[in-house]
């Protein structure tokens, strides 16, 4: 038997209580944990996060289920002594939120079983949404919407939710939605003619307290269907955010909220056309730029039968030039004979590199790129004729190009 009487088992609306301290301990991380003879604080478990609140003048930041040892209240603030009488107070909005999410999960999970014989295998209350993993092999938007509709109809009927305590033998003959995870006496949560399931969490006293359920999305995960949903106050807050976003987006187009998707789709299509056109014009401009750059530089004479003509070497750093434009310029440069181009750009907080050479010039651009990327704390690669790379150490671009140039001169 637990050292702590769990008041939330019988009354999830209970937010204040008095209790006696039966133990004070220090945890491995140095935090202080207080054990009481009775508590209304719910400890983390069953996919539901813990309650928070106050214990006397101390702040309760966590609650841990130590099973037979009781409920540990991790506190910050004045530490009570064993034997002290303390007053506990639960953060009401957090409790309400967790009741709505947990009860909402019961209702949605029951709806999925009734409609599609799809049991829930796991449940999690996360910071923004809740997740259930369901054995729904062929999920569709229509099926999930049907389950949500049935769940909300059940909520709006404001059916009573009862707590029943039964033995394992009694439970064995009952139509439970899921098998109990423990032996011995069981706590069952019952919605008449809709759901009956063992659970130790906090729940609403009637389905109407859940307010509403909304599904944010779903995906296939580990052979199951993972559904993201929210209930109650979370739905209201999410609607406010979504409506604000939709309204502000519509205002940009001087249109109604419902007309925004069509305007956005057209804008995206137009942007694709403009982007293609800009790239085409950039290639043309890079050809002219390459001619000007080559006219403005000298050349290095190389002797020998394989390199009888003058080599033209270009090393340049640009501001806010993306990798595509660097590539266009590099291709325009190496379209000329005996050119080696080491090009770089400070593109926001990213360093970008393109190294290239003409077919009749020598040098392994891929090897040069690997050395340069080590300097800018990035990575890159390519072929001996052309290589690309990038990194986060923008301030090291000059050093990277200098290293590449030295490697070329030593080759």
Protein backbone atom coordinates (compact mmCIF):
# COMPACT_ATOMS: atom_id res chain seq x y z
CA UNK A 1 0.00 0.00 0.00
CA UNK A 2 1.23 3.49 -0.87
CA UNK A 3 2.55 5.68 1.94
CA UNK A 4 0.49 8.53 0.44
CA UNK A 5 -3.30 8.67 0.21
CA UNK A 6 -4.01 9.91 -3.32
CA UNK A 7 -6.87 12.36 -3.06
CA UNK A 8 -7.00 12.97 -6.82
CA UNK A 9 -8.20 9.38 -7.26
CA UNK A 10 -11.57 10.37 -5.81
CA UNK A 11 -11.88 14.07 -6.69
CA UNK A 12 -10.05 15.60 -9.64
CA UNK A 13 -11.58 18.98 -8.80
CA UNK A 14 -9.83 19.13 -5.43
CA UNK A 15 -7.24 21.93 -5.64
CA UNK A 16 -6.42 22.57 -1.96
CA UNK A 17 -5.79 20.23 0.96
CA UNK A 18 -3.96 19.88 4.27
CA UNK A 19 -1.53 17.06 5.01
CA UNK A 20 1.25 15.91 7.33
CA UNK A 21 4.88 15.56 6.27
CA UNK A 22 6.03 11.95 6.69
CA UNK A 23 9.45 12.19 5.00
CA UNK A 24 11.94 14.71 3.63
CA UNK A 25 14.75 13.46 1.39
CA UNK A 26 17.46 14.80 -0.91
CA UNK A 27 17.57 13.43 -4.44
CA UNK A 28 20.67 12.64 -6.50
CA UNK A 29 20.51 16.06 -8.19
CA UNK A 30 20.35 17.85 -4.85
CA UNK A 31 16.62 18.64 -5.05
CA UNK A 32 14.49 18.27 -1.93
CA UNK A 33 11.54 15.87 -2.06
CA UNK A 34 8.72 15.90 0.49
CA UNK A 35 6.43 12.93 1.13
CA UNK A 36 2.98 13.55 2.65
CA UNK A 37 0.44 11.27 4.27
CA UNK A 38 -2.12 12.51 1.69
CA UNK A 39 -1.93 14.59 -1.48
CA UNK A 40 -4.00 16.03 -4.31
CA UNK A 41 -0.89 16.52 -6.47
CA UNK A 42 -0.85 14.19 -9.49
CA UNK A 43 2.59 12.66 -10.23
CA UNK A 44 3.81 12.14 -13.79
CA UNK A 45 2.44 8.90 -15.22
CA UNK A 46 0.23 7.33 -17.84
CA UNK A 47 1.23 9.91 -20.43
CA UNK A 48 0.03 12.77 -18.21
CA UNK A 49 2.47 15.34 -16.75
CA UNK A 50 2.58 16.16 -13.05
CA UNK A 51 0.73 18.91 -11.22
CA UNK A 52 2.56 21.96 -9.92
CA UNK A 53 1.63 24.39 -7.17
CA UNK A 54 2.64 25.26 -3.62
CA UNK A 55 3.30 23.37 -0.40
CA UNK A 56 3.27 25.86 2.42
CA UNK A 57 5.60 28.63 1.24
CA UNK A 58 7.56 26.32 -1.08
CA UNK A 59 6.98 25.86 -4.79
CA UNK A 60 6.17 22.33 -6.01
CA UNK A 61 7.97 21.95 -9.36
CA UNK A 62 7.64 18.20 -9.87
CA UNK A 63 5.78 15.19 -8.49
CA UNK A 64 7.15 11.67 -8.75
CA UNK A 65 5.28 8.43 -8.26
CA UNK A 66 7.46 6.29 -5.99
CA UNK A 67 4.70 3.66 -5.87
CA UNK A 68 4.75 1.99 -2.42
CA UNK A 69 6.97 4.79 -1.07
CA UNK A 70 4.28 7.36 -1.94
CA UNK A 71 4.25 10.56 -3.97
CA UNK A 72 7.41 12.66 -3.83
CA UNK A 73 6.85 16.42 -4.04
CA UNK A 74 9.99 18.11 -5.39
CA UNK A 75 10.08 21.62 -3.96
CA UNK A 76 11.95 24.90 -4.19
CA UNK A 77 11.81 27.13 -1.11
CA UNK A 78 11.43 26.62 2.64
CA UNK A 79 11.76 22.95 3.60
CA UNK A 80 9.20 21.62 6.14
CA UNK A 81 10.11 19.21 8.91
CA UNK A 82 8.80 15.67 9.36
CA UNK A 83 5.58 15.89 11.34
CA UNK A 84 4.70 19.42 10.14
CA UNK A 85 1.17 20.14 8.94
CA UNK A 86 1.30 21.82 5.52
CA UNK A 87 -1.24 23.31 3.14
CA UNK A 88 -1.06 22.28 -0.51
CA UNK A 89 -2.50 24.21 -3.44
CA UNK A 90 -2.63 22.96 -7.05
CA UNK A 91 -2.11 25.29 -10.03
CA UNK A 92 -5.70 25.32 -11.25
CA UNK A 93 -5.16 26.15 -14.93
CA UNK A 94 -2.55 23.40 -15.34
CA UNK A 95 -4.86 20.88 -13.65
CA UNK A 96 -7.78 21.98 -15.87
CA UNK A 97 -5.63 21.64 -18.98
CA UNK A 98 -4.48 18.14 -18.07
CA UNK A 99 -8.02 17.04 -17.17
CA UNK A 100 -9.29 18.25 -20.53
CA UNK A 101 -6.49 16.60 -22.49
CA UNK A 102 -6.67 13.29 -20.62
CA UNK A 103 -10.46 13.05 -20.69
CA UNK A 104 -10.41 14.15 -24.33
CA UNK A 105 -8.04 11.27 -25.07
CA UNK A 106 -10.42 8.78 -23.47
CA UNK A 107 -13.28 10.08 -25.62
CA UNK A 108 -11.31 10.22 -28.90
CA UNK A 109 -9.77 6.79 -28.31
CA UNK A 110 -13.21 5.31 -27.58
CA UNK A 111 -14.59 6.89 -30.77
CA UNK A 112 -11.81 5.29 -32.83
CA UNK A 113 -12.60 1.89 -31.33
CA UNK A 114 -16.35 2.23 -31.89
CA UNK A 115 -16.01 3.38 -35.49
CA UNK A 116 -12.96 1.48 -36.76
CA UNK A 117 -12.00 -1.05 -34.06
CA UNK A 118 -8.72 0.89 -33.74
CA UNK A 119 -7.32 0.68 -30.19
CA UNK A 120 -4.92 3.28 -28.77
CA UNK A 121 -1.51 1.87 -27.84
CA UNK A 122 0.13 4.95 -26.28
CA UNK A 123 -0.75 8.47 -25.19
CA UNK A 124 1.33 11.57 -24.43
CA UNK A 125 0.42 15.06 -23.23
CA UNK A 126 3.06 17.35 -24.76
CA UNK A 127 3.61 21.06 -24.26
CA UNK A 128 1.50 22.17 -27.26
CA UNK A 129 -0.42 19.11 -28.44
CA UNK A 130 -1.26 15.55 -27.37
CA UNK A 131 -0.39 12.39 -29.26
CA UNK A 132 -2.04 9.00 -29.48
CA UNK A 133 -0.62 6.05 -31.40
CA UNK A 134 -3.52 4.05 -32.81
CA UNK A 135 -3.86 0.73 -34.64
CA UNK A 136 -5.57 2.33 -37.63
CA UNK A 137 -4.06 0.63 -40.66
CA UNK A 138 -5.68 2.65 -43.42
CA UNK A 139 -6.01 6.19 -42.05
CA UNK A 140 -7.70 8.91 -44.06
CA UNK A 141 -8.77 12.45 -43.34
CA UNK A 142 -12.39 11.33 -43.61
CA UNK A 143 -12.00 8.56 -41.01
CA UNK A 144 -10.22 10.78 -38.51
CA UNK A 145 -12.80 13.54 -38.99
CA UNK A 146 -15.56 10.99 -38.33
CA UNK A 147 -13.88 10.02 -35.05
CA UNK A 148 -13.50 13.67 -34.05
CA UNK A 149 -17.16 14.34 -34.88
CA UNK A 150 -18.29 11.42 -32.70
CA UNK A 151 -15.97 12.53 -29.88
CA UNK A 152 -17.30 16.09 -29.95
CA UNK A 153 -20.91 14.90 -30.07
CA UNK A 154 -20.18 12.90 -26.91
CA UNK A 155 -18.61 15.97 -25.29
CA UNK A 156 -21.56 18.21 -26.10
CA UNK A 157 -24.02 15.71 -24.65
CA UNK A 158 -22.37 16.48 -21.30
CA UNK A 159 -22.51 12.87 -20.14
CA UNK A 160 -21.51 12.16 -16.54
CA UNK A 161 -18.10 10.59 -15.92
CA UNK A 162 -18.00 8.17 -13.02
CA UNK A 163 -15.14 6.56 -11.11
CA UNK A 164 -15.57 2.90 -10.20
CA UNK A 165 -13.25 0.85 -8.04
CA UNK A 166 -13.40 -2.87 -8.74
CA UNK A 167 -11.35 -5.99 -8.18
CA UNK A 168 -9.43 -7.64 -10.98
CA UNK A 169 -11.96 -10.49 -10.91
CA UNK A 170 -14.87 -8.09 -11.33
CA UNK A 171 -13.06 -6.26 -14.13
CA UNK A 172 -12.46 -9.50 -16.04
CA UNK A 173 -16.16 -9.71 -16.90
CA UNK A 174 -16.51 -6.06 -17.90
CA UNK A 175 -16.27 -4.63 -21.47
CA UNK A 176 -13.05 -2.68 -20.86
CA UNK A 177 -11.65 -0.70 -23.79
CA UNK A 178 -8.11 -1.75 -22.85
CA UNK A 179 -6.51 -4.34 -20.61
CA UNK A 180 -5.42 -3.10 -17.17
CA UNK A 181 -1.71 -2.41 -16.73
CA UNK A 182 -1.71 -3.51 -13.09
CA UNK A 183 -3.12 -6.19 -10.87
CA UNK A 184 -5.27 -5.90 -7.78
CA UNK A 185 -7.95 -3.29 -7.22
CA UNK A 186 -8.62 -1.20 -10.31
CA UNK A 187 -9.86 2.35 -10.81
CA UNK A 188 -12.17 2.53 -13.82
CA UNK A 189 -13.29 5.68 -15.65
CA UNK A 190 -16.78 5.27 -17.06
CA UNK A 191 -18.76 7.28 -19.61
CA UNK A 192 -22.17 5.58 -19.76
CA UNK A 193 -22.74 3.52 -22.92
CA UNK A 194 -19.57 4.96 -24.45
CA UNK A 195 -16.35 4.07 -22.62
CA UNK A 196 -15.06 2.04 -19.70
CA UNK A 197 -11.33 1.91 -19.12
CA UNK A 198 -8.86 1.52 -16.24
CA UNK A 199 -6.91 4.71 -15.55
CA UNK A 200 -5.22 6.48 -12.65
CA UNK A 201 -5.17 10.00 -14.08
CA UNK A 202 -7.24 13.12 -13.41
CA UNK A 203 -10.47 13.44 -15.38
CA UNK A 204 -13.45 15.72 -15.80
CA UNK A 205 -16.65 14.95 -13.93
CA UNK A 206 -18.69 15.31 -17.13
CA UNK A 207 -17.76 15.20 -20.81
CA UNK A 208 -18.90 18.81 -21.30
CA UNK A 209 -15.91 20.04 -19.28
CA UNK A 210 -13.64 18.96 -22.14
CA UNK A 211 -15.21 21.65 -24.33
CA UNK A 212 -14.05 20.51 -27.76
CA UNK A 213 -11.48 18.28 -29.47
CA UNK A 214 -9.53 19.23 -32.59
CA UNK A 215 -6.97 17.20 -34.55
CA UNK A 216 -3.87 19.09 -35.72
CA UNK A 217 -2.51 16.33 -37.95
CA UNK A 218 -1.61 12.67 -38.29
CA UNK A 219 1.11 10.45 -39.74
CA UNK A 220 2.20 6.86 -39.94
CA UNK A 221 4.77 6.03 -37.25
CA UNK A 222 6.26 2.67 -36.28
CA UNK A 223 3.43 0.72 -37.87
CA UNK A 224 0.75 2.79 -36.11
CA UNK A 225 -1.18 5.97 -36.89
CA UNK A 226 0.03 8.86 -34.75
CA UNK A 227 -2.67 11.48 -34.25
CA UNK A 228 -1.89 14.92 -32.87
CA UNK A 229 -4.87 16.48 -31.12
CA UNK A 230 -5.79 19.00 -28.45
CA UNK A 231 -8.79 19.65 -26.26
CA UNK A 232 -10.49 22.44 -24.34
CA UNK A 233 -8.52 25.60 -23.63
CA UNK A 234 -5.74 24.49 -25.98
CA UNK A 235 -8.17 24.48 -28.91
CA UNK A 236 -9.27 28.02 -28.09
CA UNK A 237 -5.67 29.26 -27.88
CA UNK A 238 -4.72 27.44 -31.08
CA UNK A 239 -7.72 28.92 -32.91
CA UNK A 240 -6.73 32.41 -31.84
CA UNK A 241 -3.22 31.94 -33.22
CA UNK A 242 -4.43 30.32 -36.43
CA UNK A 243 -7.11 32.95 -36.97
CA UNK A 244 -4.63 35.77 -36.37
CA UNK A 245 -2.23 34.26 -38.87
CA UNK A 246 -4.96 33.72 -41.45
CA UNK A 247 -6.36 37.23 -40.99
CA UNK A 248 -2.97 38.92 -41.22
CA UNK A 249 -2.13 36.88 -44.33
CA UNK A 250 -5.43 37.82 -45.94
CA UNK A 251 -4.80 41.50 -45.19
CA UNK A 252 -1.56 41.34 -47.19
CA UNK A 253 -3.63 40.46 -50.24
CA UNK A 254 -6.52 42.82 -49.35
CA UNK A 255 -8.71 39.73 -49.47
CA UNK A 256 -11.00 37.71 -47.25
CA UNK A 257 -9.56 34.99 -45.03
CA UNK A 258 -11.09 32.19 -47.13
CA UNK A 259 -9.55 33.63 -50.32
CA UNK A 260 -5.98 33.59 -48.99
CA UNK A 261 -4.99 30.05 -50.14
CA UNK A 262 -5.71 30.89 -53.78
CA UNK A 263 -3.72 34.14 -53.53
CA UNK A 264 -0.80 32.36 -51.85
CA UNK A 265 -0.81 29.60 -54.48
CA UNK A 266 -0.68 32.20 -57.25
CA UNK A 267 2.11 34.07 -55.49
CA UNK A 268 4.16 30.88 -55.18
CA UNK A 269 3.65 30.05 -58.87
CA UNK A 270 4.61 33.59 -59.89
CA UNK A 271 7.68 33.42 -57.67
CA UNK A 272 8.78 30.20 -59.38
CA UNK A 273 8.51 31.90 -62.77
CA UNK A 274 10.40 34.98 -61.55
CA UNK A 275 13.09 32.83 -59.94
CA UNK A 276 13.66 30.93 -63.18
CA UNK A 277 13.87 34.21 -65.08
CA UNK A 278 16.28 35.71 -62.54
CA UNK A 279 18.53 32.65 -62.86
CA UNK A 280 18.53 32.98 -66.63
CA UNK A 281 19.43 36.67 -66.41
CA UNK A 282 22.07 35.91 -63.77
CA UNK A 283 23.78 33.47 -66.16
CA UNK A 284 23.86 36.17 -68.84
CA UNK A 285 25.16 38.76 -66.38
CA UNK A 286 27.81 36.34 -65.11
CA UNK A 287 29.08 35.92 -68.67
CA UNK A 288 29.61 39.69 -68.95
CA UNK A 289 31.08 39.84 -65.43
CA UNK A 290 33.53 37.05 -66.28
CA UNK A 291 34.76 38.93 -69.37
CA UNK A 292 35.38 42.06 -67.28
CA UNK A 293 37.17 40.11 -64.56
CA UNK A 294 39.47 38.39 -67.02
CA UNK A 295 40.33 41.69 -68.73
CA UNK A 296 41.21 43.16 -65.38
CA UNK A 297 43.74 40.56 -64.27
CA UNK A 298 47.24 39.62 -65.28
CA UNK A 299 48.46 36.14 -66.08
CA UNK A 300 51.10 33.73 -64.88
CA UNK A 301 53.31 32.11 -67.52
CA UNK A 302 53.82 28.40 -67.21
CA UNK A 303 56.58 26.68 -69.10
CA UNK A 304 56.49 23.14 -70.39
CA UNK A 305 54.88 21.17 -73.18
CA UNK A 306 51.63 20.65 -71.25
CA UNK A 307 51.15 24.28 -70.22
CA UNK A 308 52.49 26.45 -73.03
CA UNK A 309 50.11 29.38 -72.52
CA UNK A 310 49.44 31.91 -69.75
CA UNK A 311 47.37 30.79 -66.74
CA UNK A 312 44.80 33.26 -65.45
CA UNK A 313 44.10 32.91 -61.71
CA UNK A 314 41.11 34.53 -59.97
CA UNK A 315 40.44 34.57 -56.22
CA UNK A 316 37.49 36.68 -55.10
CA UNK A 317 35.12 37.02 -52.11
CA UNK A 318 31.63 38.44 -52.70
CA UNK A 319 28.97 39.70 -50.32
CA UNK A 320 25.50 38.10 -50.17
CA UNK A 321 25.92 35.94 -53.27
CA UNK A 322 24.24 32.55 -53.21
CA UNK A 323 25.82 29.31 -54.35
CA UNK A 324 23.91 29.21 -57.66
CA UNK A 325 25.22 32.62 -58.67
CA UNK A 326 28.76 31.65 -57.66
CA UNK A 327 28.42 28.54 -59.83
CA UNK A 328 27.14 30.58 -62.78
CA UNK A 329 30.14 32.90 -62.51
CA UNK A 330 32.58 30.02 -62.17
CA UNK A 331 31.18 28.32 -65.28
CA UNK A 332 31.41 31.58 -67.22
CA UNK A 333 35.06 32.01 -66.17
CA UNK A 334 36.22 28.48 -66.99
CA UNK A 335 34.57 28.66 -70.40
CA UNK A 336 37.76 30.59 -71.21
CA UNK A 337 41.09 28.79 -71.60
CA UNK A 338 43.64 28.48 -68.80
CA UNK A 339 41.49 29.84 -65.95
CA UNK A 340 41.43 28.80 -62.31
CA UNK A 341 38.71 30.44 -60.21
CA UNK A 342 38.50 30.33 -56.41
CA UNK A 343 35.22 32.06 -55.59
CA UNK A 344 33.63 32.65 -52.18
CA UNK A 345 30.70 34.51 -50.69
CA UNK A 346 29.57 35.74 -47.29
CA UNK A 347 25.94 34.70 -47.69
CA UNK A 348 24.34 35.82 -44.45
CA UNK A 349 25.86 33.70 -41.69
CA UNK A 350 27.12 31.07 -44.15
CA UNK A 351 30.41 30.91 -46.00
CA UNK A 352 30.06 29.56 -49.54
CA UNK A 353 32.78 28.33 -51.87
CA UNK A 354 33.04 27.32 -55.54
CA UNK A 355 36.40 26.25 -57.00
CA UNK A 356 36.67 25.57 -60.73
CA UNK A 357 39.24 25.30 -63.54
CA UNK A 358 39.20 25.26 -67.33
CA UNK A 359 39.61 21.85 -68.99
CA UNK A 360 43.10 22.82 -70.17
CA UNK A 361 44.25 24.02 -66.71
CA UNK A 362 45.63 21.74 -64.02
CA UNK A 363 44.73 21.27 -60.35
CA UNK A 364 42.39 19.15 -58.26
CA UNK A 365 39.53 21.42 -57.18
CA UNK A 366 37.99 18.67 -55.05
CA UNK A 367 41.16 18.31 -52.97
CA UNK A 368 41.44 22.09 -52.62
CA UNK A 369 37.82 22.31 -51.51
CA UNK A 370 38.25 19.75 -48.75
CA UNK A 371 41.19 21.71 -47.30
CA UNK A 372 39.32 25.00 -47.53
CA UNK A 373 36.20 23.58 -45.86
CA UNK A 374 38.25 22.44 -42.88
CA UNK A 375 39.21 26.08 -42.36
CA UNK A 376 35.62 27.37 -42.47
CA UNK A 377 34.32 24.46 -40.35
CA UNK A 378 32.16 23.06 -43.10
CA UNK A 379 32.16 20.45 -45.77
CA UNK A 380 32.13 20.17 -49.53
CA UNK A 381 33.30 18.21 -52.51
CA UNK A 382 32.91 17.62 -56.18
CA UNK A 383 35.12 16.71 -59.13
CA UNK A 384 38.69 17.66 -60.03
CA UNK A 385 37.28 20.27 -62.46
CA UNK A 386 34.73 21.87 -60.08
CA UNK A 387 33.82 21.58 -56.40
CA UNK A 388 31.34 23.26 -54.03
CA UNK A 389 31.35 23.76 -50.28
CA UNK A 390 30.19 25.79 -47.35
CA UNK A 391 30.68 26.35 -43.66
CA UNK A 392 29.72 28.45 -40.67
CA UNK A 393 33.04 30.20 -40.01
CA UNK A 394 32.50 33.16 -42.32
CA UNK A 395 35.38 35.15 -40.83
CA UNK A 396 37.85 32.51 -42.07
CA UNK A 397 37.05 32.90 -45.79
CA UNK A 398 40.19 34.91 -46.56
CA UNK A 399 42.34 32.27 -44.86
CA UNK A 400 40.55 29.46 -46.71
CA UNK A 401 41.21 31.04 -50.10
CA UNK A 402 44.82 31.76 -49.17
CA UNK A 403 45.36 28.10 -48.23
CA UNK A 404 43.84 26.98 -51.54
CA UNK A 405 46.00 29.42 -53.50
CA UNK A 406 49.19 28.24 -51.75
CA UNK A 407 48.31 24.64 -52.48
CA UNK A 408 47.94 25.49 -56.14
CA UNK A 409 51.28 27.26 -56.31
CA UNK A 410 53.03 24.31 -54.66
CA UNK A 411 51.48 21.76 -56.99
